[in-house]
Amino acid sequence: MKLDDLLGEYYELEQQLADPEVHADQNRARTLGKRYSQLTPIIEAYRSLKGVENDIGAARELAAEDPAFAEEADRLTRDAEALTERLRVLLVPRDAADDKNLIMEVKAGEGGEESALFAGDLVRMYLRYAERQGWRTEVISSTHSDLGGYKDITIAFKNKGTPEPGAGVWPLLKFEGGVHRVQRVPVTESQGRIHTSAAGVLVVPEAEEIEVDIQEKDLRVDVYRSSGPGGQSVNTTDSAVRITHLPTGIVASCQNEKSQLQNKEQAMRILRARIYAEAQASADAEAAAERKSQVRTVDRSERVRTYNFPENRISDHRVGYKAYNLDQVLDGELDGVVKALVDADTEERLEAAQSS
């Protein structure tokens, strides 16, 4: 959408939100307010740029009489360049899910206890990163391993308010999906040999009930007893729930809550998110086909990253990112690798927008 169109939409939203009748319909007011919040950073950057450009013109006129204004014009020009770049990034076409919360699943892969312990390391890394970002998190379901790792865990990451474009949970974490590989000496290794194991990460945007139409007749609900480390039963009642969406074959389960009803509600959250993600992936594939661009720079399905402990090195294989601060990354300092992924995706989206 062109900037002039966004300006017109923004002013129209201002008028609508000033109308008391609009706020009588809370859903409509919420929708309009969310869109207004999304457009605000773009309009503010545009207004700032126009203001700086006017100041540059004035400074250059005054420089003819006072050379000191030439330096002011140079400084303002640098400010204008920075604002132009910010506006360029803000105008990049976004994912439809950019303002959504996110559900992440981390699963141990081959490697037994070492893989489960590495899954635990990844979980702590993401939780600490979320804390640094000011996001809220909620563990929906988890299965611990014998040594304190995770066989699998599902976590919801939630935005705080309406995030600025590109700064929310989904834009910053959506590229974490894939196979994460670790190279280190496991705690179970007595010979001191370096082993390679892996854990899988799946990320999907959390969908609202109104966004995914799920019919009760299309669900098969199975109940069973919750299990803990080693497979032992931790509940004497059939409170764990597994839900299968028959039309798609998508399955979601939860066993962490005490009641069957609570577990069913949590499993439905996961199911909605997976169905939404599959529908979104289909739409993205169709759009990619129309652009004749089948291969994205950032592919979430491949082996994405290696964590090498002996060298304190982290490598992201999709964009060639490499850094020797693995200890800091595992403590939640993900900014470097996340920025590299976001920048690569931004450039690709800009190229796609310019060529369309």
Protein backbone atom coordinates (compact mmCIF):
# COMPACT_ATOMS: atom_id res chain seq x y z
CA MET A 1 0.00 0.00 0.00
CA LYS A 2 1.28 3.49 -0.89
CA LEU A 3 2.12 6.00 1.82
CA ASP A 4 -0.64 8.37 0.68
CA ASP A 5 -3.17 5.57 1.12
CA LEU A 6 -1.88 4.86 4.63
CA LEU A 7 -2.15 8.54 5.53
CA GLY A 8 -5.75 8.60 4.35
CA GLU A 9 -6.55 5.43 6.30
CA TYR A 10 -4.90 6.87 9.43
CA TYR A 11 -6.93 10.10 9.32
CA GLU A 12 -10.11 8.11 8.70
CA LEU A 13 -9.35 5.92 11.72
CA GLU A 14 -8.81 9.02 13.85
CA GLN A 15 -12.26 10.26 12.94
CA GLN A 16 -13.91 6.91 13.57
CA LEU A 17 -12.23 6.44 16.95
CA ALA A 18 -13.41 9.92 18.00
CA ASP A 19 -17.01 8.84 17.40
CA PRO A 20 -18.67 7.64 20.67
CA GLU A 21 -20.97 5.33 18.69
CA VAL A 22 -17.98 3.32 17.49
CA HIS A 23 -17.03 2.48 21.09
CA ALA A 24 -20.50 1.06 21.72
CA ASP A 25 -19.30 -1.92 19.67
CA GLN A 26 -16.26 -3.13 21.61
CA ASN A 27 -15.09 -5.59 18.94
CA ARG A 28 -15.15 -2.93 16.24
CA ALA A 29 -13.44 -0.39 18.50
CA ARG A 30 -10.75 -2.95 19.35
CA THR A 31 -10.14 -3.75 15.69
CA LEU A 32 -9.93 -0.08 14.71
CA GLY A 33 -7.68 0.68 17.69
CA LYS A 34 -5.29 -2.11 16.80
CA ARG A 35 -4.98 -0.89 13.21
CA TYR A 36 -4.50 2.68 14.42
CA SER A 37 -1.67 1.52 16.70
CA GLN A 38 -0.04 -0.33 13.80
CA LEU A 39 -0.10 2.76 11.58
CA THR A 40 1.02 5.26 14.23
CA PRO A 41 4.80 4.53 14.05
CA ILE A 42 4.68 4.85 10.24
CA ILE A 43 2.86 8.19 10.34
CA GLU A 44 5.10 9.53 13.11
CA ALA A 45 8.22 8.61 11.13
CA TYR A 46 6.76 10.27 8.02
CA ARG A 47 5.89 13.46 9.91
CA SER A 48 9.34 13.58 11.50
CA LEU A 49 10.98 13.14 8.09
CA LYS A 50 8.94 15.97 6.59
CA GLY A 51 9.80 18.21 9.53
CA VAL A 52 13.52 17.50 9.19
CA GLU A 53 13.41 18.09 5.42
CA ASN A 54 11.82 21.51 6.02
CA ASP A 55 14.52 22.32 8.59
CA ILE A 56 17.24 21.32 6.09
CA GLY A 57 15.85 23.77 3.55
CA ALA A 58 15.79 26.57 6.12
CA ALA A 59 19.33 25.78 7.33
CA ARG A 60 20.72 25.86 3.81
CA GLU A 61 19.14 29.26 3.16
CA LEU A 62 20.63 30.65 6.37
CA ALA A 63 24.03 29.11 5.58
CA ALA A 64 24.51 31.73 2.86
CA GLU A 65 24.72 34.34 5.63
CA ASP A 66 26.10 32.26 8.51
CA PRO A 67 28.44 29.29 7.75
CA ALA A 68 27.49 27.69 11.09
CA PHE A 69 24.15 26.71 9.57
CA ALA A 70 25.98 24.58 6.96
CA GLU A 71 27.03 22.20 9.74
CA GLU A 72 23.45 22.16 11.02
CA ALA A 73 22.23 21.28 7.52
CA ASP A 74 24.71 18.39 7.35
CA ARG A 75 23.54 17.06 10.72
CA LEU A 76 19.89 17.32 9.69
CA THR A 77 20.69 15.52 6.43
CA ARG A 78 22.06 12.57 8.40
CA ASP A 79 18.90 12.59 10.53
CA ALA A 80 16.79 12.57 7.35
CA GLU A 81 18.72 9.59 6.00
CA ALA A 82 18.11 7.66 9.23
CA LEU A 83 14.40 8.52 9.19
CA THR A 84 14.14 7.53 5.52
CA GLU A 85 15.61 4.12 6.32
CA ARG A 86 13.29 3.69 9.30
CA LEU A 87 10.29 4.56 7.15
CA ARG A 88 11.48 2.16 4.47
CA VAL A 89 11.62 -0.70 6.98
CA LEU A 90 8.26 0.22 8.53
CA LEU A 91 6.65 0.09 5.08
CA VAL A 92 7.90 -3.44 4.33
CA PRO A 93 4.94 -5.77 3.64
CA ARG A 94 4.32 -7.76 6.82
CA ASP A 95 3.07 -11.20 7.67
CA ALA A 96 -0.62 -11.31 8.42
CA ALA A 97 0.34 -12.77 11.81
CA ASP A 98 2.80 -10.04 12.83
CA ASP A 99 0.71 -8.71 15.71
CA LYS A 100 -0.22 -12.14 17.05
CA ASN A 101 1.05 -14.04 20.05
CA LEU A 102 3.05 -17.18 19.43
CA ILE A 103 3.00 -20.81 20.51
CA MET A 104 6.34 -22.60 20.57
CA GLU A 105 6.94 -26.33 20.89
CA VAL A 106 10.38 -27.68 21.75
CA LYS A 107 10.94 -31.43 21.37
CA ALA A 108 13.96 -33.58 22.15
CA GLY A 109 15.32 -35.45 19.13
CA GLU A 110 17.70 -38.34 18.78
CA GLY A 111 20.30 -38.40 21.52
CA GLY A 112 18.31 -39.51 24.55
CA GLU A 113 18.88 -37.57 27.76
CA GLU A 114 21.45 -35.26 26.16
CA SER A 115 18.89 -34.13 23.59
CA ALA A 116 16.30 -33.57 26.35
CA LEU A 117 18.82 -31.52 28.36
CA PHE A 118 19.60 -29.44 25.26
CA ALA A 119 15.87 -28.88 24.76
CA GLY A 120 15.85 -27.55 28.33
CA ASP A 121 18.70 -25.19 27.46
CA LEU A 122 16.75 -23.85 24.48
CA VAL A 123 13.66 -23.32 26.63
CA ARG A 124 15.63 -21.33 29.21
CA MET A 125 17.21 -19.29 26.40
CA TYR A 126 13.83 -18.34 24.95
CA LEU A 127 12.28 -17.61 28.34
CA ARG A 128 15.16 -15.29 29.25
CA TYR A 129 14.93 -13.57 25.87
CA ALA A 130 11.20 -13.07 26.42
CA GLU A 131 11.91 -11.58 29.85
CA ARG A 132 14.37 -9.13 28.29
CA GLN A 133 11.72 -8.13 25.74
CA GLY A 134 9.05 -7.63 28.39
CA TRP A 135 6.83 -10.38 27.00
CA ARG A 136 4.64 -12.66 29.06
CA THR A 137 5.04 -16.45 28.83
CA GLU A 138 2.86 -19.39 29.77
CA VAL A 139 3.78 -23.07 29.80
CA ILE A 140 0.83 -24.88 28.24
CA SER A 141 2.11 -28.46 28.38
CA SER A 142 5.39 -30.21 29.22
CA THR A 143 6.94 -33.64 29.71
CA HIS A 144 10.18 -33.74 31.71
CA SER A 145 13.02 -36.18 31.20
CA ASP A 146 14.66 -38.15 34.01
CA LEU A 147 17.63 -35.73 34.31
CA GLY A 148 15.55 -32.55 34.30
CA GLY A 149 15.40 -31.75 30.60
CA TYR A 150 12.32 -31.76 28.42
CA LYS A 151 11.04 -34.53 26.19
CA ASP A 152 8.64 -31.91 24.90
CA ILE A 153 7.21 -28.60 26.04
CA THR A 154 4.70 -26.11 24.63
CA ILE A 155 4.94 -22.43 25.62
CA ALA A 156 2.82 -19.39 24.72
CA PHE A 157 4.70 -16.10 24.19
CA LYS A 158 2.48 -13.04 24.55
CA ASN A 159 2.96 -9.44 23.42
CA LYS A 160 2.68 -6.64 25.91
CA GLY A 161 0.12 -4.29 24.38
CA THR A 162 0.19 -3.58 20.64
CA PRO A 163 3.79 -3.86 19.44
CA GLU A 164 5.40 -1.57 16.90
CA PRO A 165 5.60 -3.14 13.42
CA GLY A 166 8.39 -5.71 13.38
CA ALA A 167 8.91 -5.65 17.16
CA GLY A 168 6.37 -8.19 18.38
CA VAL A 169 6.60 -11.81 19.45
CA TRP A 170 5.89 -13.29 16.02
CA PRO A 171 8.22 -11.08 13.90
CA LEU A 172 11.16 -11.73 16.24
CA LEU A 173 10.66 -15.44 16.97
CA LYS A 174 9.05 -16.79 13.80
CA PHE A 175 12.39 -17.92 12.34
CA GLU A 176 13.31 -20.07 15.37
CA GLY A 177 11.44 -23.07 13.96
CA GLY A 178 13.56 -25.95 12.68
CA VAL A 179 16.21 -28.38 13.86
CA HIS A 180 18.71 -26.97 16.38
CA ARG A 181 21.96 -28.93 16.69
CA VAL A 182 24.31 -28.97 19.68
CA GLN A 183 27.96 -30.08 19.83
CA ARG A 184 29.34 -30.64 23.32
CA VAL A 185 30.46 -33.22 25.89
CA PRO A 186 27.23 -34.58 27.43
CA VAL A 187 26.91 -34.94 31.19
CA THR A 188 26.32 -38.64 30.53
CA GLU A 189 29.66 -39.02 28.70
CA SER A 190 32.43 -40.49 30.87
CA GLN A 191 35.15 -40.43 28.19
CA GLY A 192 35.02 -36.68 27.55
CA ARG A 193 34.05 -37.10 23.89
CA ILE A 194 32.12 -34.44 22.02
CA HIS A 195 28.70 -35.61 20.85
CA THR A 196 26.24 -34.09 18.41
CA SER A 197 22.53 -34.18 19.18
CA ALA A 198 19.53 -32.10 18.24
CA ALA A 199 16.18 -30.72 19.33
CA GLY A 200 13.28 -29.55 17.21
CA VAL A 201 11.51 -26.19 17.55
CA LEU A 202 8.09 -25.46 16.05
CA VAL A 203 6.57 -21.97 16.14
CA VAL A 204 3.02 -21.05 15.12
CA PRO A 205 0.97 -17.88 15.63
CA GLU A 206 -1.76 -18.24 18.24
CA ALA A 207 -5.18 -17.98 16.63
CA GLU A 208 -8.35 -16.56 18.11
CA GLU A 209 -11.49 -18.70 18.11
CA ILE A 210 -13.16 -16.44 15.55
CA GLU A 211 -10.24 -16.92 13.13
CA VAL A 212 -10.45 -20.71 12.93
CA ASP A 213 -13.79 -22.43 12.37
CA ILE A 214 -13.61 -25.81 14.13
CA GLN A 215 -16.75 -27.93 14.19
CA GLU A 216 -17.28 -30.28 17.13
CA LYS A 217 -18.27 -33.06 14.71
CA ASP A 218 -14.80 -32.82 13.13
CA LEU A 219 -13.01 -33.61 16.41
CA ARG A 220 -12.05 -36.91 17.99
CA VAL A 221 -11.27 -36.47 21.69
CA ASP A 222 -9.30 -39.19 23.50
CA VAL A 223 -8.56 -39.14 27.23
CA TYR A 224 -5.77 -40.97 29.07
CA ARG A 225 -3.72 -40.78 32.25
CA SER A 226 -0.94 -38.23 32.56
CA SER A 227 2.61 -39.56 32.65
CA GLY A 228 5.84 -38.19 34.04
CA PRO A 229 9.57 -38.94 33.61
CA GLY A 230 10.16 -42.56 32.69
CA GLY A 231 6.53 -42.96 31.68
CA GLN A 232 5.17 -43.51 35.17
CA SER A 233 1.60 -42.46 35.83
CA VAL A 234 1.30 -39.21 37.77
CA ASN A 235 -2.48 -39.08 37.80
CA THR A 236 -5.00 -41.67 38.87
CA THR A 237 -7.74 -40.26 36.63
CA ASP A 238 -8.03 -39.95 32.85
CA SER A 239 -7.40 -36.19 32.81
CA ALA A 240 -4.96 -35.94 29.89
CA VAL A 241 -6.59 -35.06 26.55
CA ARG A 242 -5.62 -35.71 22.93
CA ILE A 243 -7.69 -34.02 20.20
CA THR A 244 -7.55 -35.00 16.53
CA HIS A 245 -8.96 -32.70 13.85
CA LEU A 246 -10.32 -35.28 11.43
CA PRO A 247 -10.39 -33.18 8.21
CA THR A 248 -6.69 -32.28 8.47
CA GLY A 249 -5.31 -35.02 10.71
CA ILE A 250 -3.74 -32.40 12.99
CA VAL A 251 -3.33 -33.59 16.59
CA ALA A 252 -2.87 -31.65 19.84
CA SER A 253 -2.62 -32.91 23.39
CA CYS A 254 -2.21 -31.61 26.93
CA GLN A 255 -1.73 -33.31 30.28
CA ASN A 256 -0.38 -30.62 32.59
CA GLU A 257 -3.63 -29.36 34.08
CA LYS A 258 -5.44 -31.15 36.90
CA SER A 259 -8.81 -31.44 35.21
CA GLN A 260 -9.86 -32.95 31.90
CA LEU A 261 -11.73 -29.76 30.99
CA GLN A 262 -8.66 -27.56 31.53
CA ASN A 263 -6.50 -29.91 29.47
CA LYS A 264 -9.08 -29.88 26.67
CA GLU A 265 -9.10 -26.06 26.64
CA GLN A 266 -5.31 -25.93 26.40
CA ALA A 267 -5.21 -28.62 23.71
CA MET A 268 -7.78 -26.63 21.71
CA ARG A 269 -5.48 -23.56 21.87
CA ILE A 270 -2.66 -25.61 20.37
CA LEU A 271 -4.97 -27.16 17.78
CA ARG A 272 -6.32 -23.78 16.64
CA ALA A 273 -2.78 -22.44 16.29
CA ARG A 274 -1.65 -25.44 14.22
CA ILE A 275 -4.68 -25.27 11.92
CA TYR A 276 -4.21 -21.51 11.48
CA ALA A 277 -0.49 -22.00 10.74
CA GLU A 278 -1.23 -24.66 8.11
CA ALA A 279 -3.77 -22.40 6.41
CA GLN A 280 -1.31 -19.50 6.52
CA ALA A 281 1.45 -21.69 5.07
CA SER A 282 -0.82 -22.63 2.17
CA ALA A 283 -1.62 -18.97 1.52
CA ASP A 284 2.08 -18.07 1.67
CA ALA A 285 2.90 -20.87 -0.80
CA GLU A 286 0.30 -19.59 -3.23
CA ALA A 287 1.63 -16.05 -2.93
CA ALA A 288 5.18 -17.31 -3.47
CA ALA A 289 4.08 -19.17 -6.58
CA GLU A 290 2.50 -16.01 -7.94
CA ARG A 291 5.78 -14.15 -7.37
CA LYS A 292 7.65 -17.10 -8.97
CA SER A 293 9.79 -17.26 -5.83
CA GLN A 294 9.58 -20.71 -4.32
CA VAL A 295 12.67 -20.52 -2.10
CA ARG A 296 12.81 -18.09 0.81
CA THR A 297 16.06 -16.85 2.32
CA VAL A 298 14.85 -17.95 5.74
CA ASP A 299 13.42 -21.48 5.61
CA ARG A 300 11.93 -22.52 8.94
CA SER A 301 11.77 -26.24 8.06
CA GLU A 302 15.48 -26.98 7.63
CA ARG A 303 18.30 -27.55 10.12
CA VAL A 304 18.73 -23.98 11.18
CA ARG A 305 21.40 -23.54 13.81
CA THR A 306 24.41 -25.12 15.51
CA TYR A 307 25.48 -24.48 19.11
CA ASN A 308 29.16 -25.46 19.47
CA PHE A 309 30.17 -25.45 23.15
CA PRO A 310 33.94 -26.17 22.80
CA GLU A 311 34.33 -23.08 20.59
CA ASN A 312 31.61 -21.03 22.36
CA ARG A 313 30.23 -20.55 18.83
CA ILE A 314 26.71 -20.13 17.49
CA SER A 315 26.06 -20.45 13.76
CA ASP A 316 22.86 -19.86 11.84
CA HIS A 317 23.17 -21.72 8.56
CA ARG A 318 20.40 -19.86 6.71
CA VAL A 319 22.02 -16.42 6.64
CA GLY A 320 25.66 -17.28 7.38
CA TYR A 321 25.56 -15.71 10.85
CA LYS A 322 28.38 -16.72 13.19
CA ALA A 323 29.38 -15.40 16.61
CA TYR A 324 31.53 -16.58 19.52
CA ASN A 325 29.24 -15.61 22.39
CA LEU A 326 27.27 -18.83 22.83
CA ASP A 327 27.25 -18.46 26.61
CA GLN A 328 25.57 -15.05 26.32
CA VAL A 329 23.09 -16.29 23.69
CA LEU A 330 22.00 -19.17 25.92
CA ASP A 331 21.45 -16.57 28.64
CA GLY A 332 18.86 -14.90 26.43
CA GLU A 333 20.99 -12.41 24.46
CA LEU A 334 19.52 -13.40 21.10
CA ASP A 335 19.51 -9.92 19.59
CA GLY A 336 22.40 -10.51 17.16
CA VAL A 337 21.14 -13.69 15.53
CA VAL A 338 17.52 -12.50 15.52
CA LYS A 339 18.53 -9.23 13.82
CA ALA A 340 20.47 -11.12 11.14
CA LEU A 341 17.39 -13.22 10.32
CA VAL A 342 14.98 -10.28 10.39
CA ASP A 343 17.28 -8.16 8.19
CA ALA A 344 17.57 -10.96 5.61
CA ASP A 345 13.81 -11.37 5.50
CA THR A 346 13.26 -7.60 5.30
CA GLU A 347 15.57 -7.28 2.30
CA GLU A 348 13.82 -10.15 0.54
CA ARG A 349 10.40 -8.63 1.16
CA LEU A 350 11.60 -5.26 -0.12
CA GLU A 351 12.92 -6.88 -3.30
CA ALA A 352 9.66 -8.78 -3.78
CA ALA A 353 7.62 -5.60 -3.27
CA GLN A 354 9.75 -3.61 -5.73
CA SER A 355 9.57 -6.31 -8.42
CA SER A 356 5.82 -6.86 -8.13
